Amino acid sequence: MREILGRRRRLRLRRRVRPAQLDAVLTCATAWQWPVLPGVGLEAAGGRGGRGCACPDPECAVPGAHPFDPGLLAATTDERMVRWWWANRPTAPIVLATGGRAPCALSLPAVAAARALAELDRMGARLGPVVATPTRWSLLVAPYTLERLGELLHAKDRVPSSLRFHGEGGYLVLPPSEVGAGQVRWERAPSAISRPRPDKGEPVPGSAAPWLPDVEAVLDALVEASNSAPDGGSRLAY
């Protein structure tokens, strides 16, 4: 009887998780046109006393939080492909392929990120979506090229190693996903741009992708926050 009740409970949990995961990934892929693919995810709890990465690497540095099969180049906005992936793996993490026409991101340790957001708020800067795990936060920004990023960083006296850049050829795990570092959530939720109706010129809320700031608008605050973090901004855990 206990085993039957356990199976029913797991089934109810899967039913609750699936709609949120599928709705979120379909919004990213079809409404916002952000290319996505499923992350590798976490293995089931086993004899090792925890949940590691489901990939073959026992020393994986970012458990659950990276593409594996399919690889990053498979990222797509095609609804049929997205539905098929998450029908087979309903709890798979949502991985955004950054760069190109998709958002880029800058990430830093959570303590430093909270300080940076407070400073940007104090300055009255407009921020886009912010993705958070228990250890790191990521600020989504408008697409940038490697050349432009290099020019911006070259002008800095020091860029901390804990500040990471998710651009062309990179990726970022989006909510609602569970990875080795814990639950992925929105620290600042996306706010969609309104675009005018073709017939009346009136705005249609939520009809376009979320607004994203330019990388230059947030870079100074992130560098400063990382440099002044209590741990020196050097913590590299995902």
Foldseek 3Di string as FASTA:
>chain_A
DVVVVVVVVVVVVLVVQQVVQLVVLLCCQAQAVFFKDFFQAWDPDDDVGDIFAPDPDPPDQWRLWAHDVVHPVPTHSDSVVSCVRCVVVRQTWIKTQAADQHWKKKKFFPVLVVQLVVVCVVVVHDFFWWKDFNTMIIGTAGADDPVVVVVVVVPDPDAAPRIDIRYHRGMGTAPQHAGPRGGMDIPPDFFADWAADPPPGHTDGSRYGGDHHHCVSRVVSSRVSLCPPPVRRHDRRD
